[in-house]
């Protein structure tokens, strides 16, 4: 429910379904979002739709209704949360080859995904000694929070997951494999990939970490740390309350209190993670961008180039 302190509704959504005539869908969805005053990013691909949007409750309701009317989207997966300020400054509807990039054209998440597990049943599954638990997210996401006992593939992008799995397949000898990700989309596709590789008993957390943190009381939780999200909140905790991390505007890494206190941290320009990976020209460009951000803030405005992107 809206409140004076959290007036913005945020909706993370996805659906694997066969979509056609993507340019027409892009145009109609862009127009609908503009009319509803909704901002964020939505990706459209032949395999479905994926995105995170924010706006008023009425605007989000209107757009979710619009998307639910698309072919195969009646059961659209949506996770809602609240924000104190708009987490996006513009609206983008983009066409992609995949709504989440795995780089395995033969994988069919529409017809061959693994078995959903509700958040209420997740603790029992991952406590089962016959279950191997795999975090399908990237290394910087895992670093700030994960489920106890989860394997970390240490991937830098989702494209790296197939190679990691094939390299370690012989080590994953438990009868069941359970996987999870932020909102459910990556692990849904990952389960389809494992099934295509001959692993039959594959399970994934329905609604992802976000639904788990929303649903399961902290006292009963098997989650440790915070969950990285691809918007201005940066991270969330149990109950989807905003977390403590900030974002490095140079490399997009989440920064904790120690990172922010480091002499290698310069707002908008560098952090301990990227200080040695940017040349003088890049630093100069970042410094000018940060100057423009500061000037906009002094005028009480948002600088649209200061928005994180998750594609």
C-alpha atoms as a PDB file:
ATOM      1  CA  UNK A   1       0.000   0.000   0.000  1.00  0.00           C
ATOM      2  CA  UNK A   2       1.240   3.528  -0.709  1.00  0.00           C
ATOM      3  CA  UNK A   3       2.506   5.610   2.181  1.00  0.00           C
ATOM      4  CA  UNK A   4       3.904   9.140   2.489  1.00  0.00           C
ATOM      5  CA  UNK A   5       7.405   7.712   3.015  1.00  0.00           C
ATOM      6  CA  UNK A   6       7.221   5.131   0.189  1.00  0.00           C
ATOM      7  CA  UNK A   7       4.909   6.565  -2.484  1.00  0.00           C
ATOM      8  CA  UNK A   8       6.512   4.858  -5.507  1.00  0.00           C
ATOM      9  CA  UNK A   9       5.390   1.414  -6.644  1.00  0.00           C
ATOM     10  CA  UNK A  10       8.140  -0.738  -8.227  1.00  0.00           C
ATOM     11  CA  UNK A  11       7.211  -3.808 -10.291  1.00  0.00           C
ATOM     12  CA  UNK A  12       9.759  -6.403 -11.449  1.00  0.00           C
ATOM     13  CA  UNK A  13       8.144  -8.591 -14.106  1.00  0.00           C
ATOM     14  CA  UNK A  14       8.854 -11.323 -16.613  1.00  0.00           C
ATOM     15  CA  UNK A  15       7.188 -14.022 -18.650  1.00  0.00           C
ATOM     16  CA  UNK A  16       8.642 -16.601 -21.000  1.00  0.00           C
ATOM     17  CA  UNK A  17       6.210 -16.861 -23.919  1.00  0.00           C
ATOM     18  CA  UNK A  18       6.376 -16.840 -27.686  1.00  0.00           C
ATOM     19  CA  UNK A  19       5.967 -13.261 -28.929  1.00  0.00           C
ATOM     20  CA  UNK A  20       5.743 -12.038 -32.504  1.00  0.00           C
ATOM     21  CA  UNK A  21       5.617  -8.646 -34.260  1.00  0.00           C
ATOM     22  CA  UNK A  22       7.931  -7.145 -31.669  1.00  0.00           C
ATOM     23  CA  UNK A  23       8.192  -3.658 -33.241  1.00  0.00           C
ATOM     24  CA  UNK A  24       4.421  -3.210 -32.941  1.00  0.00           C
ATOM     25  CA  UNK A  25       4.483  -4.424 -29.329  1.00  0.00           C
ATOM     26  CA  UNK A  26       7.363  -2.052 -28.605  1.00  0.00           C
ATOM     27  CA  UNK A  27       5.458   0.919 -29.976  1.00  0.00           C
ATOM     28  CA  UNK A  28       2.216   0.177 -28.146  1.00  0.00           C
ATOM     29  CA  UNK A  29       3.951  -0.547 -24.844  1.00  0.00           C
ATOM     30  CA  UNK A  30       6.076   2.612 -25.070  1.00  0.00           C
ATOM     31  CA  UNK A  31       2.946   4.688 -25.675  1.00  0.00           C
ATOM     32  CA  UNK A  32       1.084   3.022 -22.798  1.00  0.00           C
ATOM     33  CA  UNK A  33       3.968   3.644 -20.366  1.00  0.00           C
ATOM     34  CA  UNK A  34       4.237   7.287 -21.412  1.00  0.00           C
ATOM     35  CA  UNK A  35       0.505   7.782 -20.886  1.00  0.00           C
ATOM     36  CA  UNK A  36       0.621   6.090 -17.455  1.00  0.00           C
ATOM     37  CA  UNK A  37       3.674   8.079 -16.316  1.00  0.00           C
ATOM     38  CA  UNK A  38       5.652   4.873 -15.749  1.00  0.00           C
ATOM     39  CA  UNK A  39       9.453   4.712 -16.095  1.00  0.00           C
ATOM     40  CA  UNK A  40      12.002   1.903 -16.171  1.00  0.00           C
ATOM     41  CA  UNK A  41      13.248  -0.672 -18.660  1.00  0.00           C
ATOM     42  CA  UNK A  42      11.326  -3.407 -20.478  1.00  0.00           C
ATOM     43  CA  UNK A  43      12.941  -5.934 -22.811  1.00  0.00           C
ATOM     44  CA  UNK A  44      11.001  -7.731 -25.545  1.00  0.00           C
ATOM     45  CA  UNK A  45      12.295 -10.824 -27.375  1.00  0.00           C
ATOM     46  CA  UNK A  46      10.839 -13.772 -29.272  1.00  0.00           C
ATOM     47  CA  UNK A  47      11.048 -15.749 -26.004  1.00  0.00           C
ATOM     48  CA  UNK A  48       9.069 -13.250 -23.887  1.00  0.00           C
ATOM     49  CA  UNK A  49       9.195 -10.074 -21.789  1.00  0.00           C
ATOM     50  CA  UNK A  50      11.356  -8.899 -18.876  1.00  0.00           C
ATOM     51  CA  UNK A  51      11.651  -5.611 -17.033  1.00  0.00           C
ATOM     52  CA  UNK A  52      11.380  -3.405 -13.975  1.00  0.00           C
ATOM     53  CA  UNK A  53       9.143  -0.345 -13.942  1.00  0.00           C
ATOM     54  CA  UNK A  54       8.126   2.243 -11.366  1.00  0.00           C
ATOM     55  CA  UNK A  55       5.438   4.862 -10.963  1.00  0.00           C
ATOM     56  CA  UNK A  56       2.184   5.568  -9.189  1.00  0.00           C
ATOM     57  CA  UNK A  57       0.048   2.646  -8.048  1.00  0.00           C
ATOM     58  CA  UNK A  58      -2.541   3.491 -10.697  1.00  0.00           C
ATOM     59  CA  UNK A  59       0.086   3.758 -13.433  1.00  0.00           C
ATOM     60  CA  UNK A  60       1.704   0.429 -12.544  1.00  0.00           C
ATOM     61  CA  UNK A  61      -1.687  -1.278 -12.353  1.00  0.00           C
ATOM     62  CA  UNK A  62      -2.503   0.036 -15.835  1.00  0.00           C
ATOM     63  CA  UNK A  63       0.752  -1.217 -17.369  1.00  0.00           C
ATOM     64  CA  UNK A  64       0.628  -4.624 -15.675  1.00  0.00           C
ATOM     65  CA  UNK A  65      -2.885  -5.004 -17.059  1.00  0.00           C
ATOM     66  CA  UNK A  66      -1.650  -4.026 -20.515  1.00  0.00           C
ATOM     67  CA  UNK A  67       1.203  -6.568 -20.410  1.00  0.00           C
ATOM     68  CA  UNK A  68      -1.026  -9.307 -18.980  1.00  0.00           C
ATOM     69  CA  UNK A  69      -3.126  -8.987 -22.120  1.00  0.00           C
ATOM     70  CA  UNK A  70      -0.193  -9.923 -24.371  1.00  0.00           C
ATOM     71  CA  UNK A  71      -0.082 -13.482 -25.782  1.00  0.00           C
ATOM     72  CA  UNK A  72       0.813 -15.987 -23.064  1.00  0.00           C
ATOM     73  CA  UNK A  73       1.180 -13.312 -20.363  1.00  0.00           C
ATOM     74  CA  UNK A  74      -2.019 -13.867 -18.392  1.00  0.00           C
ATOM     75  CA  UNK A  75       0.042 -15.473 -15.590  1.00  0.00           C
ATOM     76  CA  UNK A  76       2.712 -12.733 -15.687  1.00  0.00           C
ATOM     77  CA  UNK A  77       5.251 -13.075 -12.855  1.00  0.00           C
ATOM     78  CA  UNK A  78       5.350  -9.767 -10.938  1.00  0.00           C
ATOM     79  CA  UNK A  79       7.121  -8.753  -7.701  1.00  0.00           C
ATOM     80  CA  UNK A  80       6.031  -5.482  -6.131  1.00  0.00           C
ATOM     81  CA  UNK A  81       7.987  -3.277  -3.748  1.00  0.00           C
ATOM     82  CA  UNK A  82       7.979   0.343  -2.580  1.00  0.00           C
ATOM     83  CA  UNK A  83      10.496   3.164  -2.981  1.00  0.00           C
ATOM     84  CA  UNK A  84      10.858   6.584  -1.414  1.00  0.00           C
ATOM     85  CA  UNK A  85      11.917   8.204  -4.709  1.00  0.00           C
ATOM     86  CA  UNK A  86      11.594   7.215  -8.382  1.00  0.00           C
ATOM     87  CA  UNK A  87      14.303   4.575  -9.050  1.00  0.00           C
ATOM     88  CA  UNK A  88      14.293   5.337 -12.800  1.00  0.00           C
ATOM     89  CA  UNK A  89      14.451   8.620 -14.663  1.00  0.00           C
ATOM     90  CA  UNK A  90      13.298   7.503 -18.118  1.00  0.00           C
ATOM     91  CA  UNK A  91      11.378   4.737 -19.908  1.00  0.00           C
ATOM     92  CA  UNK A  92      13.028   2.330 -22.350  1.00  0.00           C
ATOM     93  CA  UNK A  93      11.339  -0.496 -24.256  1.00  0.00           C
ATOM     94  CA  UNK A  94      14.016  -2.430 -26.113  1.00  0.00           C
ATOM     95  CA  UNK A  95      14.040  -5.321 -28.561  1.00  0.00           C
ATOM     96  CA  UNK A  96      16.507  -8.131 -27.811  1.00  0.00           C
ATOM     97  CA  UNK A  97      17.368 -11.602 -29.064  1.00  0.00           C
ATOM     98  CA  UNK A  98      16.847 -12.921 -25.508  1.00  0.00           C
ATOM     99  CA  UNK A  99      15.148 -11.356 -22.497  1.00  0.00           C
ATOM    100  CA  UNK A 100      17.983 -12.764 -20.391  1.00  0.00           C
ATOM    101  CA  UNK A 101      21.132 -13.654 -22.299  1.00  0.00           C
ATOM    102  CA  UNK A 102      22.373 -17.239 -21.873  1.00  0.00           C
ATOM    103  CA  UNK A 103      23.685 -17.679 -25.419  1.00  0.00           C
ATOM    104  CA  UNK A 104      22.235 -21.177 -25.845  1.00  0.00           C
ATOM    105  CA  UNK A 105      19.677 -21.026 -28.702  1.00  0.00           C
ATOM    106  CA  UNK A 106      18.484 -24.605 -28.147  1.00  0.00           C
ATOM    107  CA  UNK A 107      17.254 -23.924 -24.598  1.00  0.00           C
ATOM    108  CA  UNK A 108      13.446 -23.720 -24.340  1.00  0.00           C
ATOM    109  CA  UNK A 109      12.261 -22.144 -21.064  1.00  0.00           C
ATOM    110  CA  UNK A 110       8.727 -21.821 -22.434  1.00  0.00           C
ATOM    111  CA  UNK A 111       8.209 -25.589 -22.618  1.00  0.00           C
ATOM    112  CA  UNK A 112      11.071 -27.216 -20.700  1.00  0.00           C
ATOM    113  CA  UNK A 113      11.814 -25.308 -17.483  1.00  0.00           C
ATOM    114  CA  UNK A 114      12.338 -26.975 -14.117  1.00  0.00           C
ATOM    115  CA  UNK A 115       9.902 -27.320 -11.236  1.00  0.00           C
ATOM    116  CA  UNK A 116       8.780 -24.211  -9.362  1.00  0.00           C
ATOM    117  CA  UNK A 117       9.216 -24.201  -5.590  1.00  0.00           C
ATOM    118  CA  UNK A 118       7.197 -21.707  -3.553  1.00  0.00           C
ATOM    119  CA  UNK A 119       9.116 -19.554  -1.029  1.00  0.00           C
ATOM    120  CA  UNK A 120       7.266 -21.306   1.806  1.00  0.00           C
ATOM    121  CA  UNK A 121       8.703 -24.676   0.674  1.00  0.00           C
ATOM    122  CA  UNK A 122      12.200 -23.467  -0.227  1.00  0.00           C
ATOM    123  CA  UNK A 123      13.845 -23.936   3.189  1.00  0.00           C
ATOM    124  CA  UNK A 124      12.896 -27.610   3.313  1.00  0.00           C
ATOM    125  CA  UNK A 125      14.232 -28.240  -0.195  1.00  0.00           C
ATOM    126  CA  UNK A 126      17.620 -26.627   0.356  1.00  0.00           C
ATOM    127  CA  UNK A 127      17.997 -28.306   3.778  1.00  0.00           C
ATOM    128  CA  UNK A 128      17.622 -31.722   2.123  1.00  0.00           C
ATOM    129  CA  UNK A 129      21.086 -33.365   1.911  1.00  0.00           C
ATOM    130  CA  UNK A 130      20.068 -34.764  -1.483  1.00  0.00           C
ATOM    131  CA  UNK A 131      19.870 -31.232  -2.910  1.00  0.00           C
ATOM    132  CA  UNK A 132      22.694 -29.207  -4.455  1.00  0.00           C
ATOM    133  CA  UNK A 133      21.987 -25.469  -4.314  1.00  0.00           C
ATOM    134  CA  UNK A 134      23.379 -23.163  -7.030  1.00  0.00           C
ATOM    135  CA  UNK A 135      23.302 -19.352  -7.138  1.00  0.00           C
ATOM    136  CA  UNK A 136      22.882 -18.437 -10.825  1.00  0.00           C
ATOM    137  CA  UNK A 137      23.721 -14.742 -10.361  1.00  0.00           C
ATOM    138  CA  UNK A 138      26.981 -12.934 -11.078  1.00  0.00           C
ATOM    139  CA  UNK A 139      29.918 -12.750  -8.672  1.00  0.00           C
ATOM    140  CA  UNK A 140      29.323  -9.161  -7.524  1.00  0.00           C
ATOM    141  CA  UNK A 141      25.699 -10.002  -6.691  1.00  0.00           C
ATOM    142  CA  UNK A 142      26.617 -13.109  -4.724  1.00  0.00           C
ATOM    143  CA  UNK A 143      29.271 -11.156  -2.812  1.00  0.00           C
ATOM    144  CA  UNK A 144      26.702  -9.066  -0.917  1.00  0.00           C
ATOM    145  CA  UNK A 145      24.258 -11.853  -0.077  1.00  0.00           C
ATOM    146  CA  UNK A 146      23.178 -15.432  -0.815  1.00  0.00           C
ATOM    147  CA  UNK A 147      21.485 -18.499   0.691  1.00  0.00           C
ATOM    148  CA  UNK A 148      23.508 -20.508   3.166  1.00  0.00           C
ATOM    149  CA  UNK A 149      25.159 -23.502   1.530  1.00  0.00           C
ATOM    150  CA  UNK A 150      24.821 -22.200  -2.021  1.00  0.00           C
ATOM    151  CA  UNK A 151      27.498 -22.849  -4.640  1.00  0.00           C
ATOM    152  CA  UNK A 152      28.896 -19.682  -6.221  1.00  0.00           C
ATOM    153  CA  UNK A 153      29.880 -20.208  -9.895  1.00  0.00           C
ATOM    154  CA  UNK A 154      31.805 -16.888  -9.750  1.00  0.00           C
ATOM    155  CA  UNK A 155      30.499 -15.888 -13.161  1.00  0.00           C
ATOM    156  CA  UNK A 156      30.858 -12.342 -14.466  1.00  0.00           C
ATOM    157  CA  UNK A 157      27.795 -12.676 -16.718  1.00  0.00           C
ATOM    158  CA  UNK A 158      24.946 -15.142 -17.189  1.00  0.00           C
ATOM    159  CA  UNK A 159      26.559 -16.179 -20.491  1.00  0.00           C
ATOM    160  CA  UNK A 160      29.347 -17.776 -18.429  1.00  0.00           C
ATOM    161  CA  UNK A 161      26.984 -20.150 -16.616  1.00  0.00           C
ATOM    162  CA  UNK A 162      26.795 -22.916 -19.281  1.00  0.00           C
ATOM    163  CA  UNK A 163      30.595 -23.240 -19.429  1.00  0.00           C
ATOM    164  CA  UNK A 164      30.823 -23.329 -15.606  1.00  0.00           C
ATOM    165  CA  UNK A 165      28.163 -26.034 -15.423  1.00  0.00           C
ATOM    166  CA  UNK A 166      29.776 -28.195 -18.098  1.00  0.00           C
ATOM    167  CA  UNK A 167      33.147 -27.887 -16.350  1.00  0.00           C
ATOM    168  CA  UNK A 168      31.663 -28.976 -12.997  1.00  0.00           C
ATOM    169  CA  UNK A 169      28.849 -31.285 -14.087  1.00  0.00           C
ATOM    170  CA  UNK A 170      30.585 -34.429 -12.801  1.00  0.00           C
ATOM    171  CA  UNK A 171      30.897 -32.860  -9.334  1.00  0.00           C
ATOM    172  CA  UNK A 172      27.153 -32.160  -9.082  1.00  0.00           C
ATOM    173  CA  UNK A 173      26.236 -35.701  -8.129  1.00  0.00           C
ATOM    174  CA  UNK A 174      23.276 -35.109  -5.790  1.00  0.00           C
ATOM    175  CA  UNK A 175      19.872 -36.374  -6.962  1.00  0.00           C
ATOM    176  CA  UNK A 176      18.338 -32.887  -6.994  1.00  0.00           C
ATOM    177  CA  UNK A 177      19.573 -29.471  -8.151  1.00  0.00           C
ATOM    178  CA  UNK A 178      17.943 -26.275  -6.860  1.00  0.00           C
ATOM    179  CA  UNK A 179      18.746 -22.852  -8.335  1.00  0.00           C
ATOM    180  CA  UNK A 180      17.786 -19.284  -7.576  1.00  0.00           C
ATOM    181  CA  UNK A 181      18.283 -15.714  -8.819  1.00  0.00           C
ATOM    182  CA  UNK A 182      16.995 -12.211  -8.086  1.00  0.00           C
ATOM    183  CA  UNK A 183      13.497 -12.343  -9.554  1.00  0.00           C
ATOM    184  CA  UNK A 184      13.235 -15.856 -10.991  1.00  0.00           C
ATOM    185  CA  UNK A 185      14.017 -15.260 -14.649  1.00  0.00           C
ATOM    186  CA  UNK A 186      17.658 -16.363 -14.805  1.00  0.00           C
ATOM    187  CA  UNK A 187      17.127 -19.523 -12.756  1.00  0.00           C
ATOM    188  CA  UNK A 188      14.049 -20.417 -14.829  1.00  0.00           C
ATOM    189  CA  UNK A 189      16.171 -20.329 -17.967  1.00  0.00           C
ATOM    190  CA  UNK A 190      19.046 -22.071 -16.189  1.00  0.00           C
ATOM    191  CA  UNK A 191      16.771 -24.974 -15.229  1.00  0.00           C
ATOM    192  CA  UNK A 192      15.784 -25.382 -18.880  1.00  0.00           C
ATOM    193  CA  UNK A 193      19.485 -25.445 -19.751  1.00  0.00           C
ATOM    194  CA  UNK A 194      20.240 -28.140 -17.162  1.00  0.00           C
ATOM    195  CA  UNK A 195      17.349 -30.236 -18.433  1.00  0.00           C
ATOM    196  CA  UNK A 196      18.753 -29.928 -21.954  1.00  0.00           C
ATOM    197  CA  UNK A 197      22.044 -31.230 -20.487  1.00  0.00           C
ATOM    198  CA  UNK A 198      20.355 -34.343 -19.078  1.00  0.00           C
ATOM    199  CA  UNK A 199      19.626 -33.241 -15.492  1.00  0.00           C
ATOM    200  CA  UNK A 200      16.009 -34.151 -14.750  1.00  0.00           C
ATOM    201  CA  UNK A 201      15.344 -33.238 -11.105  1.00  0.00           C
ATOM    202  CA  UNK A 202      15.837 -29.487 -11.330  1.00  0.00           C
ATOM    203  CA  UNK A 203      14.024 -26.954  -9.143  1.00  0.00           C
ATOM    204  CA  UNK A 204      13.933 -23.160  -8.963  1.00  0.00           C
ATOM    205  CA  UNK A 205      12.636 -20.591  -6.493  1.00  0.00           C
ATOM    206  CA  UNK A 206       9.361 -19.137  -7.737  1.00  0.00           C
ATOM    207  CA  UNK A 207       9.553 -15.367  -7.751  1.00  0.00           C
ATOM    208  CA  UNK A 208      13.259 -15.490  -6.917  1.00  0.00           C
ATOM    209  CA  UNK A 209      15.036 -13.977  -3.937  1.00  0.00           C
ATOM    210  CA  UNK A 210      12.758 -10.933  -3.995  1.00  0.00           C
ATOM    211  CA  UNK A 211       9.647 -13.036  -3.404  1.00  0.00           C
ATOM    212  CA  UNK A 212      11.418 -15.003  -0.689  1.00  0.00           C
ATOM    213  CA  UNK A 213      12.522 -11.845   1.140  1.00  0.00           C
ATOM    214  CA  UNK A 214       8.995 -10.466   0.841  1.00  0.00           C
ATOM    215  CA  UNK A 215       7.328 -13.667   2.050  1.00  0.00           C
ATOM    216  CA  UNK A 216       9.562 -15.364   4.624  1.00  0.00           C
ATOM    217  CA  UNK A 217      10.018 -13.763   8.080  1.00  0.00           C
ATOM    218  CA  UNK A 218      13.632 -12.892   8.825  1.00  0.00           C
ATOM    219  CA  UNK A 219      13.614 -15.178  11.870  1.00  0.00           C
ATOM    220  CA  UNK A 220      12.880 -18.181   9.609  1.00  0.00           C
ATOM    221  CA  UNK A 221      15.114 -17.116   6.730  1.00  0.00           C
ATOM    222  CA  UNK A 222      18.068 -18.996   5.251  1.00  0.00           C
ATOM    223  CA  UNK A 223      19.183 -15.856   3.410  1.00  0.00           C
ATOM    224  CA  UNK A 224      22.299 -13.995   4.546  1.00  0.00           C
ATOM    225  CA  UNK A 225      23.142 -10.414   3.543  1.00  0.00           C
ATOM    226  CA  UNK A 226      21.380  -8.186   1.042  1.00  0.00           C
ATOM    227  CA  UNK A 227      20.059  -8.695  -2.483  1.00  0.00           C
ATOM    228  CA  UNK A 228      21.420  -6.595  -5.337  1.00  0.00           C
ATOM    229  CA  UNK A 229      18.762  -4.984  -7.542  1.00  0.00           C
ATOM    230  CA  UNK A 230      19.231  -3.180 -10.845  1.00  0.00           C
ATOM    231  CA  UNK A 231      17.809   0.202  -9.925  1.00  0.00           C
ATOM    232  CA  UNK A 232      18.557   3.182  -7.701  1.00  0.00           C
ATOM    233  CA  UNK A 233      17.858   1.210  -4.523  1.00  0.00           C
ATOM    234  CA  UNK A 234      21.013  -0.875  -5.267  1.00  0.00           C
ATOM    235  CA  UNK A 235      20.124  -3.534  -2.674  1.00  0.00           C
ATOM    236  CA  UNK A 236      17.197  -4.682  -0.530  1.00  0.00           C
ATOM    237  CA  UNK A 237      16.832  -6.600   2.730  1.00  0.00           C
ATOM    238  CA  UNK A 238      14.085  -8.739   4.253  1.00  0.00           C
ATOM    239  CA  UNK A 239      10.682  -7.225   3.680  1.00  0.00           C
ATOM    240  CA  UNK A 240      12.212  -5.588   0.568  1.00  0.00           C
ATOM    241  CA  UNK A 241      13.389  -2.676   2.666  1.00  0.00           C
ATOM    242  CA  UNK A 242      16.143  -0.618   0.976  1.00  0.00           C
ATOM    243  CA  UNK A 243      19.612  -1.902   1.825  1.00  0.00           C
ATOM    244  CA  UNK A 244      22.856  -0.201   2.805  1.00  0.00           C
ATOM    245  CA  UNK A 245      24.831  -0.434  -0.446  1.00  0.00           C
ATOM    246  CA  UNK A 246      25.566   2.363  -2.895  1.00  0.00           C
ATOM    247  CA  UNK A 247      26.543   2.071  -6.549  1.00  0.00           C
ATOM    248  CA  UNK A 248      29.856   2.977  -8.137  1.00  0.00           C
ATOM    249  CA  UNK A 249      28.869   5.067 -11.156  1.00  0.00           C
ATOM    250  CA  UNK A 250      32.072   4.090 -12.972  1.00  0.00           C
ATOM    251  CA  UNK A 251      31.897   0.272 -12.794  1.00  0.00           C
ATOM    252  CA  UNK A 252      28.359  -0.346 -11.396  1.00  0.00           C
ATOM    253  CA  UNK A 253      29.653  -2.392  -8.468  1.00  0.00           C
ATOM    254  CA  UNK A 254      27.750  -2.305  -5.148  1.00  0.00           C
ATOM    255  CA  UNK A 255      29.773  -0.525  -2.480  1.00  0.00           C
ATOM    256  CA  UNK A 256      29.679  -1.150   1.257  1.00  0.00           C
ATOM    257  CA  UNK A 257      30.706   1.216   4.056  1.00  0.00           C
ATOM    258  CA  UNK A 258      34.368   0.167   3.835  1.00  0.00           C
ATOM    259  CA  UNK A 259      34.426   0.802   0.075  1.00  0.00           C
ATOM    260  CA  UNK A 260      32.921   4.250   0.550  1.00  0.00           C
ATOM    261  CA  UNK A 261      35.498   5.097   3.213  1.00  0.00           C
ATOM    262  CA  UNK A 262      38.420   3.944   1.052  1.00  0.00           C
ATOM    263  CA  UNK A 263      40.886   6.555  -0.274  1.00  0.00           C
ATOM    264  CA  UNK A 264      40.355   4.876  -3.668  1.00  0.00           C
ATOM    265  CA  UNK A 265      36.707   5.959  -3.723  1.00  0.00           C
ATOM    266  CA  UNK A 266      35.880   9.110  -5.650  1.00  0.00           C
ATOM    267  CA  UNK A 267      32.134   9.639  -6.154  1.00  0.00           C
ATOM    268  CA  UNK A 268      31.158   9.019  -9.758  1.00  0.00           C
ATOM    269  CA  UNK A 269      34.761   8.441 -10.859  1.00  0.00           C
ATOM    270  CA  UNK A 270      36.330   5.377  -9.216  1.00  0.00           C
ATOM    271  CA  UNK A 271      36.097   2.866  -6.371  1.00  0.00           C
ATOM    272  CA  UNK A 272      38.374   0.163  -4.914  1.00  0.00           C
ATOM    273  CA  UNK A 273      36.997  -2.311  -7.486  1.00  0.00           C
ATOM    274  CA  UNK A 274      37.816  -0.265 -10.594  1.00  0.00           C
ATOM    275  CA  UNK A 275      40.571   2.162  -9.587  1.00  0.00           C
ATOM    276  CA  UNK A 276      43.177   0.335 -11.697  1.00  0.00           C
ATOM    277  CA  UNK A 277      40.942  -0.442 -14.668  1.00  0.00           C
ATOM    278  CA  UNK A 278      40.096   3.053 -15.918  1.00  0.00           C
ATOM    279  CA  UNK A 279      42.462   5.306 -17.879  1.00  0.00           C
ATOM    280  CA  UNK A 280      42.865   9.077 -17.545  1.00  0.00           C
ATOM    281  CA  UNK A 281      40.425   9.829 -20.382  1.00  0.00           C
ATOM    282  CA  UNK A 282      37.713   7.695 -18.780  1.00  0.00           C
ATOM    283  CA  UNK A 283      38.255   9.276 -15.376  1.00  0.00           C
ATOM    284  CA  UNK A 284      38.009  12.727 -16.912  1.00  0.00           C
ATOM    285  CA  UNK A 285      34.737  11.792 -18.616  1.00  0.00           C
ATOM    286  CA  UNK A 286      33.330  10.305 -15.401  1.00  0.00           C
ATOM    287  CA  UNK A 287      34.360  13.404 -13.435  1.00  0.00           C
ATOM    288  CA  UNK A 288      32.508  15.651 -15.877  1.00  0.00           C
ATOM    289  CA  UNK A 289      29.421  13.438 -15.679  1.00  0.00           C
ATOM    290  CA  UNK A 290      29.536  13.613 -11.878  1.00  0.00           C
ATOM    291  CA  UNK A 291      29.875  17.401 -12.059  1.00  0.00           C
ATOM    292  CA  UNK A 292      26.687  17.525 -14.156  1.00  0.00           C
ATOM    293  CA  UNK A 293      24.940  15.195 -11.673  1.00  0.00           C
ATOM    294  CA  UNK A 294      25.921  17.478  -8.771  1.00  0.00           C
ATOM    295  CA  UNK A 295      24.740  20.577 -10.642  1.00  0.00           C
ATOM    296  CA  UNK A 296      21.401  18.916 -11.408  1.00  0.00           C
ATOM    297  CA  UNK A 297      21.016  17.899  -7.752  1.00  0.00           C
ATOM    298  CA  UNK A 298      21.710  21.469  -6.655  1.00  0.00           C
ATOM    299  CA  UNK A 299      18.816  22.565  -8.896  1.00  0.00           C
ATOM    300  CA  UNK A 300      16.577  19.879  -7.411  1.00  0.00           C
ATOM    301  CA  UNK A 301      16.594  17.854 -10.640  1.00  0.00           C
ATOM    302  CA  UNK A 302      17.584  14.330 -11.626  1.00  0.00           C
ATOM    303  CA  UNK A 303      20.370  13.756 -14.119  1.00  0.00           C
ATOM    304  CA  UNK A 304      19.158  11.047 -16.536  1.00  0.00           C
ATOM    305  CA  UNK A 305      22.668   9.833 -17.249  1.00  0.00           C
ATOM    306  CA  UNK A 306      22.925   8.788 -13.606  1.00  0.00           C
ATOM    307  CA  UNK A 307      20.573   5.812 -13.921  1.00  0.00           C
ATOM    308  CA  UNK A 308      21.804   2.212 -13.576  1.00  0.00           C
ATOM    309  CA  UNK A 309      20.901  -0.161 -16.386  1.00  0.00           C
ATOM    310  CA  UNK A 310      20.513  -3.927 -16.166  1.00  0.00           C
ATOM    311  CA  UNK A 311      21.008  -5.030 -19.753  1.00  0.00           C
END
